C-alpha atoms as a PDB file:
ATOM      1  CA  MET A   1      -4.115  21.711  -3.910  1.00  0.00           C
ATOM      2  CA  PRO A   2      -4.082  19.493  -0.789  1.00  0.00           C
ATOM      3  CA  VAL A   3      -3.971  15.703  -0.789  1.00  0.00           C
ATOM      4  CA  GLU A   4      -5.936  13.725   1.794  1.00  0.00           C
ATOM      5  CA  ILE A   5      -4.768  10.304   2.984  1.00  0.00           C
ATOM      6  CA  THR A   6      -7.067   7.929   4.870  1.00  0.00           C
ATOM      7  CA  TRP A   7      -5.625   4.726   6.348  1.00  0.00           C
ATOM      8  CA  TRP A   8      -8.157   1.894   6.635  1.00  0.00           C
ATOM      9  CA  GLY A   9      -5.636  -0.629   7.996  1.00  0.00           C
ATOM     10  CA  HIS A  10      -2.902  -2.903   6.625  1.00  0.00           C
ATOM     11  CA  ALA A  11      -1.949  -1.567   3.147  1.00  0.00           C
ATOM     12  CA  THR A  12      -5.422  -0.180   2.374  1.00  0.00           C
ATOM     13  CA  CYS A  13      -5.495   3.595   1.931  1.00  0.00           C
ATOM     14  CA  THR A  14      -7.619   6.159   0.136  1.00  0.00           C
ATOM     15  CA  ILE A  15      -5.708   8.959  -1.559  1.00  0.00           C
ATOM     16  CA  GLU A  16      -7.822  11.955  -2.612  1.00  0.00           C
ATOM     17  CA  ASP A  17      -6.105  14.344  -4.977  1.00  0.00           C
ATOM     18  CA  SER A  18      -7.389  16.585  -7.782  1.00  0.00           C
ATOM     19  CA  ASN A  19     -10.996  15.457  -7.344  1.00  0.00           C
ATOM     20  CA  THR A  20      -9.962  11.822  -7.849  1.00  0.00           C
ATOM     21  CA  ARG A  21     -10.118   8.944  -5.345  1.00  0.00           C
ATOM     22  CA  VAL A  22      -7.427   6.267  -5.382  1.00  0.00           C
ATOM     23  CA  LEU A  23      -7.716   3.081  -3.285  1.00  0.00           C
ATOM     24  CA  THR A  24      -4.701   0.876  -2.538  1.00  0.00           C
ATOM     25  CA  ASP A  25      -4.621  -2.899  -1.931  1.00  0.00           C
ATOM     26  CA  PRO A  26      -8.204  -3.151  -0.604  1.00  0.00           C
ATOM     27  CA  LEU A  27      -8.619  -5.652   2.229  1.00  0.00           C
ATOM     28  CA  PHE A  28     -11.988  -5.440   3.953  1.00  0.00           C
ATOM     29  CA  ALA A  29     -11.995  -8.872   5.631  1.00  0.00           C
ATOM     30  CA  ARG A  30     -12.421  -9.614   9.311  1.00  0.00           C
ATOM     31  CA  ARG A  31     -10.430 -12.785   8.811  1.00  0.00           C
ATOM     32  CA  LEU A  32      -8.067 -14.020   6.082  1.00  0.00           C
ATOM     33  CA  ALA A  33      -6.883 -17.627   6.394  1.00  0.00           C
ATOM     34  CA  HIS A  34      -4.891 -17.712   9.657  1.00  0.00           C
ATOM     35  CA  LEU A  35      -5.017 -13.937  10.111  1.00  0.00           C
ATOM     36  CA  ARG A  36      -7.602 -12.070  12.145  1.00  0.00           C
ATOM     37  CA  ARG A  37      -8.223  -8.337  12.192  1.00  0.00           C
ATOM     38  CA  ARG A  38      -7.146  -7.323  15.696  1.00  0.00           C
ATOM     39  CA  ARG A  39      -7.411  -3.520  15.417  1.00  0.00           C
ATOM     40  CA  GLY A  40      -9.705  -1.200  13.523  1.00  0.00           C
ATOM     41  CA  ALA A  41     -13.261  -1.805  12.382  1.00  0.00           C
ATOM     42  CA  ILE A  42     -14.014  -3.194   8.943  1.00  0.00           C
ATOM     43  CA  PRO A  43     -13.893  -0.131   6.663  1.00  0.00           C
ATOM     44  CA  PRO A  44     -17.281   1.435   5.896  1.00  0.00           C
ATOM     45  CA  ASP A  45     -18.959   1.292   2.509  1.00  0.00           C
ATOM     46  CA  GLU A  46     -17.470   4.668   1.544  1.00  0.00           C
ATOM     47  CA  ALA A  47     -14.014   3.054   1.559  1.00  0.00           C
ATOM     48  CA  ARG A  48     -15.065   0.896  -1.381  1.00  0.00           C
ATOM     49  CA  ARG A  49     -15.710   3.928  -3.589  1.00  0.00           C
ATOM     50  CA  ALA A  50     -12.792   4.878  -5.831  1.00  0.00           C
ATOM     51  CA  ASP A  51     -12.024   6.081  -9.326  1.00  0.00           C
ATOM     52  CA  VAL A  52      -9.065   3.726  -9.554  1.00  0.00           C
ATOM     53  CA  VAL A  53      -7.832   0.842  -7.383  1.00  0.00           C
ATOM     54  CA  LEU A  54      -4.143  -0.109  -7.264  1.00  0.00           C
ATOM     55  CA  VAL A  55      -3.019  -3.666  -6.492  1.00  0.00           C
ATOM     56  CA  SER A  56       0.678  -3.902  -5.721  1.00  0.00           C
ATOM     57  CA  HIS A  57       1.189  -7.677  -5.915  1.00  0.00           C
ATOM     58  CA  LEU A  58      -0.575 -11.024  -5.815  1.00  0.00           C
ATOM     59  CA  HIS A  59      -0.317 -12.011  -2.147  1.00  0.00           C
ATOM     60  CA  ALA A  60      -3.805 -12.635  -0.780  1.00  0.00           C
ATOM     61  CA  ASP A  61      -3.575  -9.795   1.769  1.00  0.00           C
ATOM     62  CA  HIS A  62      -3.013  -7.353  -1.122  1.00  0.00           C
ATOM     63  CA  LEU A  63      -4.996  -8.930  -3.969  1.00  0.00           C
ATOM     64  CA  HIS A  64      -8.076 -10.013  -1.992  1.00  0.00           C
ATOM     65  CA  LEU A  65     -10.757 -11.232  -4.352  1.00  0.00           C
ATOM     66  CA  PRO A  66     -13.807 -10.749  -2.069  1.00  0.00           C
ATOM     67  CA  SER A  67     -12.757  -7.142  -1.390  1.00  0.00           C
ATOM     68  CA  LEU A  68     -12.283  -6.490  -5.104  1.00  0.00           C
ATOM     69  CA  GLY A  69     -15.668  -8.071  -5.737  1.00  0.00           C
ATOM     70  CA  ALA A  70     -17.267  -5.493  -3.417  1.00  0.00           C
ATOM     71  CA  LEU A  71     -16.053  -2.523  -5.484  1.00  0.00           C
ATOM     72  CA  ASP A  72     -18.545  -0.451  -7.441  1.00  0.00           C
ATOM     73  CA  PRO A  73     -19.242  -1.551 -11.028  1.00  0.00           C
ATOM     74  CA  GLY A  74     -17.062   0.258 -13.537  1.00  0.00           C
ATOM     75  CA  THR A  75     -14.201   0.904 -11.107  1.00  0.00           C
ATOM     76  CA  ARG A  76     -10.789   0.996 -12.826  1.00  0.00           C
ATOM     77  CA  LEU A  77      -8.417  -1.663 -11.440  1.00  0.00           C
ATOM     78  CA  LEU A  78      -4.658  -1.737 -12.069  1.00  0.00           C
ATOM     79  CA  VAL A  79      -3.010  -5.114 -11.399  1.00  0.00           C
ATOM     80  CA  PRO A  80       0.448  -6.532 -12.084  1.00  0.00           C
ATOM     81  CA  ARG A  81       0.808  -8.010 -15.557  1.00  0.00           C
ATOM     82  CA  GLY A  82      -0.134 -11.684 -15.527  1.00  0.00           C
ATOM     83  CA  ALA A  83      -2.497 -11.436 -12.563  1.00  0.00           C
ATOM     84  CA  PRO A  84      -5.569 -12.783 -14.440  1.00  0.00           C
ATOM     85  CA  GLN A  85      -3.569 -15.826 -15.541  1.00  0.00           C
ATOM     86  CA  VAL A  86      -1.969 -16.517 -12.149  1.00  0.00           C
ATOM     87  CA  VAL A  87      -5.127 -15.775 -10.116  1.00  0.00           C
ATOM     88  CA  PRO A  88      -8.104 -16.998 -12.178  1.00  0.00           C
ATOM     89  CA  GLY A  89     -10.534 -15.275  -9.817  1.00  0.00           C
ATOM     90  CA  VAL A  90      -9.423 -11.936 -11.278  1.00  0.00           C
ATOM     91  CA  ARG A  91     -11.083 -12.994 -14.541  1.00  0.00           C
ATOM     92  CA  ARG A  92     -14.328 -13.412 -12.619  1.00  0.00           C
ATOM     93  CA  LEU A  93     -14.561  -9.682 -11.839  1.00  0.00           C
ATOM     94  CA  PRO A  94     -16.423  -8.548 -14.959  1.00  0.00           C
ATOM     95  CA  HIS A  95     -17.848  -5.487 -13.204  1.00  0.00           C
ATOM     96  CA  LEU A  96     -14.346  -3.939 -13.019  1.00  0.00           C
ATOM     97  CA  ARG A  97     -12.264  -2.331 -15.794  1.00  0.00           C
ATOM     98  CA  ILE A  98      -8.986  -4.214 -15.390  1.00  0.00           C
ATOM     99  CA  THR A  99      -5.647  -3.029 -16.765  1.00  0.00           C
ATOM    100  CA  GLU A 100      -2.450  -5.066 -16.388  1.00  0.00           C
ATOM    101  CA  VAL A 101       0.653  -2.942 -15.757  1.00  0.00           C
ATOM    102  CA  VAL A 102       4.422  -3.245 -15.342  1.00  0.00           C
ATOM    103  CA  PRO A 103       7.109  -0.838 -14.112  1.00  0.00           C
ATOM    104  CA  GLY A 104       7.443   2.108 -16.450  1.00  0.00           C
ATOM    105  CA  ASP A 105       3.762   2.276 -17.391  1.00  0.00           C
ATOM    106  CA  ARG A 106       1.963   5.605 -17.046  1.00  0.00           C
ATOM    107  CA  ILE A 107      -1.834   5.589 -16.702  1.00  0.00           C
ATOM    108  CA  ARG A 108      -4.118   8.638 -16.826  1.00  0.00           C
ATOM    109  CA  VAL A 109      -7.064   8.596 -14.398  1.00  0.00           C
ATOM    110  CA  GLY A 110      -9.105  11.782 -14.336  1.00  0.00           C
ATOM    111  CA  GLU A 111      -6.724  14.606 -13.494  1.00  0.00           C
ATOM    112  CA  LEU A 112      -4.090  12.203 -12.133  1.00  0.00           C
ATOM    113  CA  LEU A 113      -1.148  10.414 -13.677  1.00  0.00           C
ATOM    114  CA  VAL A 114      -0.348   7.036 -12.105  1.00  0.00           C
ATOM    115  CA  ARG A 115       3.254   5.928 -12.648  1.00  0.00           C
ATOM    116  CA  VAL A 116       4.096   2.276 -12.077  1.00  0.00           C
ATOM    117  CA  VAL A 117       7.438   1.583 -10.362  1.00  0.00           C
ATOM    118  CA  PRO A 118       9.150  -1.640  -9.260  1.00  0.00           C
ATOM    119  CA  ALA A 119       9.187  -3.114  -5.783  1.00  0.00           C
ATOM    120  CA  ARG A 120      11.692  -5.502  -4.242  1.00  0.00           C
ATOM    121  CA  HIS A 121       9.330  -8.236  -3.087  1.00  0.00           C
ATOM    122  CA  ASP A 122       8.305 -11.766  -4.010  1.00  0.00           C
ATOM    123  CA  GLY A 123       5.081 -11.073  -5.878  1.00  0.00           C
ATOM    124  CA  ARG A 124       3.957 -14.670  -6.379  1.00  0.00           C
ATOM    125  CA  ARG A 125       0.452 -15.671  -5.292  1.00  0.00           C
ATOM    126  CA  LEU A 126       1.841 -18.585  -3.270  1.00  0.00           C
ATOM    127  CA  PRO A 127       5.299 -19.350  -1.834  1.00  0.00           C
ATOM    128  CA  VAL A 128       5.849 -21.887  -4.645  1.00  0.00           C
ATOM    129  CA  GLY A 129       5.314 -21.784  -8.365  1.00  0.00           C
ATOM    130  CA  PRO A 130       6.524 -19.624 -11.242  1.00  0.00           C
ATOM    131  CA  HIS A 131       7.197 -15.979 -10.620  1.00  0.00           C
ATOM    132  CA  ARG A 132       5.148 -14.605 -13.508  1.00  0.00           C
ATOM    133  CA  SER A 133       3.864 -11.365 -12.044  1.00  0.00           C
ATOM    134  CA  PRO A 134       5.939  -8.452 -10.736  1.00  0.00           C
ATOM    135  CA  ALA A 135       5.522  -6.709  -7.405  1.00  0.00           C
ATOM    136  CA  LEU A 136       4.830  -3.024  -7.929  1.00  0.00           C
ATOM    137  CA  GLY A 137       4.740   0.386  -6.326  1.00  0.00           C
ATOM    138  CA  PHE A 138       2.854   3.393  -7.640  1.00  0.00           C
ATOM    139  CA  VAL A 139       3.418   7.154  -7.781  1.00  0.00           C
ATOM    140  CA  ILE A 140       0.189   9.175  -7.997  1.00  0.00           C
ATOM    141  CA  GLU A 141       0.832  12.575  -9.544  1.00  0.00           C
ATOM    142  CA  GLY A 142      -1.737  15.349  -9.174  1.00  0.00           C
ATOM    143  CA  GLY A 143      -1.659  18.346  -6.874  1.00  0.00           C
ATOM    144  CA  ALA A 144       0.997  16.338  -5.031  1.00  0.00           C
ATOM    145  CA  ARG A 145       3.154  13.347  -5.911  1.00  0.00           C
ATOM    146  CA  THR A 146       2.324  10.440  -3.589  1.00  0.00           C
ATOM    147  CA  TYR A 147       4.328   7.202  -3.468  1.00  0.00           C
ATOM    148  CA  PHE A 148       2.504   4.042  -2.428  1.00  0.00           C
ATOM    149  CA  ALA A 149       5.232   1.454  -1.924  1.00  0.00           C
ATOM    150  CA  GLY A 150       3.081  -1.686  -1.680  1.00  0.00           C
ATOM    151  CA  ASP A 151       5.357  -4.298  -0.115  1.00  0.00           C
ATOM    152  CA  THR A 152       9.041  -3.754  -0.759  1.00  0.00           C
ATOM    153  CA  GLY A 153      12.508  -3.857   0.623  1.00  0.00           C
ATOM    154  CA  LEU A 154      15.108  -1.190  -0.022  1.00  0.00           C
ATOM    155  CA  PHE A 155      16.732  -1.371  -3.438  1.00  0.00           C
ATOM    156  CA  ASP A 156      19.528   0.614  -5.041  1.00  0.00           C
ATOM    157  CA  THR A 157      17.424   2.359  -7.675  1.00  0.00           C
ATOM    158  CA  MET A 158      14.434   3.177  -5.462  1.00  0.00           C
ATOM    159  CA  ALA A 159      14.953   6.950  -5.508  1.00  0.00           C
ATOM    160  CA  GLU A 160      15.726   6.885  -9.245  1.00  0.00           C
ATOM    161  CA  TRP A 161      12.480   5.069 -10.059  1.00  0.00           C
ATOM    162  CA  VAL A 162      10.252   6.904  -7.607  1.00  0.00           C
ATOM    163  CA  GLY A 163      11.647  10.352  -8.334  1.00  0.00           C
ATOM    164  CA  PRO A 164      10.764  13.467  -6.348  1.00  0.00           C
ATOM    165  CA  VAL A 165       7.643  12.972  -4.223  1.00  0.00           C
ATOM    166  CA  GLU A 166       5.866  15.019  -1.584  1.00  0.00           C
ATOM    167  CA  VAL A 167       4.175  12.138   0.264  1.00  0.00           C
ATOM    168  CA  ALA A 168       5.331   8.559   0.938  1.00  0.00           C
ATOM    169  CA  LEU A 169       3.077   5.750   2.193  1.00  0.00           C
ATOM    170  CA  LEU A 170       5.552   3.174   3.469  1.00  0.00           C
ATOM    171  CA  PRO A 171       5.074  -0.288   5.010  1.00  0.00           C
ATOM    172  CA  VAL A 172       6.707  -0.464   8.428  1.00  0.00           C
ATOM    173  CA  GLY A 173       5.650  -3.915   9.673  1.00  0.00           C
ATOM    174  CA  GLY A 174       3.731  -7.005   8.684  1.00  0.00           C
ATOM    175  CA  TRP A 175       1.238  -9.562   9.931  1.00  0.00           C
ATOM    176  CA  GLY A 176       3.608 -11.777  11.891  1.00  0.00           C
ATOM    177  CA  PRO A 177       6.488 -11.599  14.353  1.00  0.00           C
ATOM    178  CA  PHE A 178       9.204 -11.840  11.679  1.00  0.00           C
ATOM    179  CA  LEU A 179       9.829  -9.969   8.432  1.00  0.00           C
ATOM    180  CA  GLY A 180      11.885 -11.645   5.740  1.00  0.00           C
ATOM    181  CA  GLU A 181      13.735 -10.385   2.708  1.00  0.00           C
ATOM    182  CA  GLY A 182      11.866  -7.906   0.572  1.00  0.00           C
ATOM    183  CA  HIS A 183      10.123  -6.009   3.366  1.00  0.00           C
ATOM    184  CA  LEU A 184      10.532  -2.664   5.070  1.00  0.00           C
ATOM    185  CA  ASP A 185      10.481  -2.619   8.839  1.00  0.00           C
ATOM    186  CA  ALA A 186      10.447   0.619  10.827  1.00  0.00           C
ATOM    187  CA  GLY A 187      14.200   1.101  10.489  1.00  0.00           C
ATOM    188  CA  ARG A 188      14.433   0.367   6.792  1.00  0.00           C
ATOM    189  CA  ALA A 189      11.363   2.534   6.126  1.00  0.00           C
ATOM    190  CA  ALA A 190      13.069   5.418   7.948  1.00  0.00           C
ATOM    191  CA  ARG A 191      16.137   4.882   5.767  1.00  0.00           C
ATOM    192  CA  ALA A 192      13.872   4.977   2.713  1.00  0.00           C
ATOM    193  CA  LEU A 193      12.714   8.431   3.818  1.00  0.00           C
ATOM    194  CA  GLY A 194      16.313   9.548   3.743  1.00  0.00           C
ATOM    195  CA  LEU A 195      16.609   8.331   0.149  1.00  0.00           C
ATOM    196  CA  LEU A 196      13.289   9.731  -1.095  1.00  0.00           C
ATOM    197  CA  ALA A 197      13.161  12.987   0.912  1.00  0.00           C
ATOM    198  CA  PRO A 198       9.378  13.517   0.799  1.00  0.00           C
ATOM    199  CA  ARG A 199       7.791  16.313   2.767  1.00  0.00           C
ATOM    200  CA  ALA A 200       5.384  13.974   4.574  1.00  0.00           C
ATOM    201  CA  ALA A 201       5.076  10.255   5.283  1.00  0.00           C
ATOM    202  CA  VAL A 202       2.386   7.902   6.562  1.00  0.00           C
ATOM    203  CA  PRO A 203       3.295   4.470   7.991  1.00  0.00           C
ATOM    204  CA  VAL A 204       1.090   1.588   6.820  1.00  0.00           C
ATOM    205  CA  HIS A 205       1.060  -2.234   6.764  1.00  0.00           C
ATOM    206  CA  TYR A 206       1.231  -2.866  10.502  1.00  0.00           C
ATOM    207  CA  GLY A 207      -0.996  -3.207  13.553  1.00  0.00           C
ATOM    208  CA  THR A 208      -4.089  -4.584  11.805  1.00  0.00           C
ATOM    209  CA  TYR A 209      -3.891  -8.359  11.194  1.00  0.00           C
ATOM    210  CA  TRP A 210      -2.188 -10.944  13.375  1.00  0.00           C
ATOM    211  CA  PRO A 211      -2.031 -14.741  13.213  1.00  0.00           C
ATOM    212  CA  ILE A 212      -4.578 -16.554  15.333  1.00  0.00           C
ATOM    213  CA  GLY A 213      -2.933 -18.004  18.433  1.00  0.00           C
ATOM    214  CA  LEU A 214       0.157 -15.775  18.304  1.00  0.00           C
ATOM    215  CA  ASP A 215      -1.143 -13.026  20.592  1.00  0.00           C
ATOM    216  CA  ALA A 216       1.459 -13.833  23.223  1.00  0.00           C
ATOM    217  CA  VAL A 217       4.390 -14.238  20.814  1.00  0.00           C
ATOM    218  CA  ARG A 218       6.460 -11.065  20.415  1.00  0.00           C
ATOM    219  CA  PRO A 219       3.352  -8.834  20.641  1.00  0.00           C
ATOM    220  CA  HIS A 220       5.512  -5.713  20.349  1.00  0.00           C
ATOM    221  CA  GLU A 221       6.055  -6.647  16.695  1.00  0.00           C
ATOM    222  CA  PHE A 222       2.320  -6.032  16.216  1.00  0.00           C
ATOM    223  CA  HIS A 223       1.879  -2.897  18.323  1.00  0.00           C
ATOM    224  CA  SER A 224       5.121  -0.943  18.041  1.00  0.00           C
ATOM    225  CA  PRO A 225       6.217  -0.460  14.393  1.00  0.00           C
ATOM    226  CA  GLY A 226       4.326   2.819  13.904  1.00  0.00           C
ATOM    227  CA  ASP A 227       5.833   4.439  16.989  1.00  0.00           C
ATOM    228  CA  GLU A 228       9.259   3.036  16.149  1.00  0.00           C
ATOM    229  CA  PHE A 229       9.029   4.516  12.653  1.00  0.00           C
ATOM    230  CA  VAL A 230       8.136   7.928  14.087  1.00  0.00           C
ATOM    231  CA  ARG A 231      11.140   7.750  16.422  1.00  0.00           C
ATOM    232  CA  LEU A 232      13.632   6.622  13.779  1.00  0.00           C
ATOM    233  CA  ALA A 233      12.328   8.991  11.109  1.00  0.00           C
ATOM    234  CA  ALA A 234      12.904  11.911  13.472  1.00  0.00           C
ATOM    235  CA  ARG A 235      16.558  10.882  13.664  1.00  0.00           C
ATOM    236  CA  LEU A 236      17.240   9.767  10.078  1.00  0.00           C
ATOM    237  CA  ALA A 237      14.934  12.131   8.149  1.00  0.00           C
ATOM    238  CA  PRO A 238      14.176  15.058  10.474  1.00  0.00           C
ATOM    239  CA  ASP A 239      12.757  17.251   7.710  1.00  0.00           C
ATOM    240  CA  VAL A 240       9.943  14.793   6.949  1.00  0.00           C
ATOM    241  CA  ALA A 241       6.627  15.291   8.752  1.00  0.00           C
ATOM    242  CA  VAL A 242       5.385  11.852   9.799  1.00  0.00           C
ATOM    243  CA  HIS A 243       1.631  11.403  10.238  1.00  0.00           C
ATOM    244  CA  LYS A 244       0.884   8.267  12.262  1.00  0.00           C
ATOM    245  CA  LEU A 245      -2.804   7.586  11.683  1.00  0.00           C
ATOM    246  CA  GLY A 246      -5.235   5.406  13.544  1.00  0.00           C
ATOM    247  CA  HIS A 247      -7.493   3.050  11.626  1.00  0.00           C
ATOM    248  CA  GLY A 248     -10.012   5.113   9.666  1.00  0.00           C
ATOM    249  CA  GLU A 249      -8.211   8.384  10.375  1.00  0.00           C
ATOM    250  CA  SER A 250      -7.278  10.915   7.702  1.00  0.00           C
ATOM    251  CA  ALA A 251      -4.543  13.485   7.216  1.00  0.00           C
ATOM    252  CA  ARG A 252      -5.067  16.491   4.965  1.00  0.00           C
ATOM    253  CA  LEU A 253      -1.662  17.538   3.707  1.00  0.00           C
ATOM    254  CA  GLU A 254      -0.868  20.896   2.140  1.00  0.00           C
ATOM    255  CA  VAL A 255       2.065  19.768   0.027  1.00  0.00           C
ATOM    256  CA  ALA A 256       1.597  21.476  -3.338  1.00  0.00           C
ATOM    257  CA  ARG A 257       4.292  20.722  -5.919  1.00  0.00           C
END
């Protein structure tokens, strides 16, 4: 059975597998604090429809309360354990069915199994304060096994936790000219492909939001990560088919297990 991946921009994707729709880190804003959406239209209403929504960590560009508030009533929402305590606005989403998860959890949604895996990333809501909520990745198992990495750096046990997968959705950039510890850039994401050995990969988390006033500062960091990932993946993981999508574009992948 094929899996279809639609990239809406940043880390927001729809994964359709086994008659089930999965939405990742929904961010439907034109502007978020100092960030402005510079490429891709705001996703249409159909992007808000999902059977389950996965939130990888508490940063506001991944756990965006207005975008979560726009989801259909009754939507299942998986968030890192502690999110309702750290981000009180999560408790003001009574129309959603919220489940707190940690690495190792396994959640059934329709015909899918969602496995929760760790990420190497600072998952705090703000740069200061207690670190009470983990950063997560997810493996969606249905007709294919699809890894959504959230935000992460490389870590020694990545392949052990993720396990065999057919599709990898990997962050390859960010929303500013510099990436710190706990992030994948194009090169590290290509190295991750070598560790995970999926059949197909889609680069995400780049080329959508950019700080206001920084248009002239290292603009290649905004525009180039997708192409750089394609180039490096061809060298470091030549057996992986990389699908570089435009905003709102989909790839239908025949990658049966």
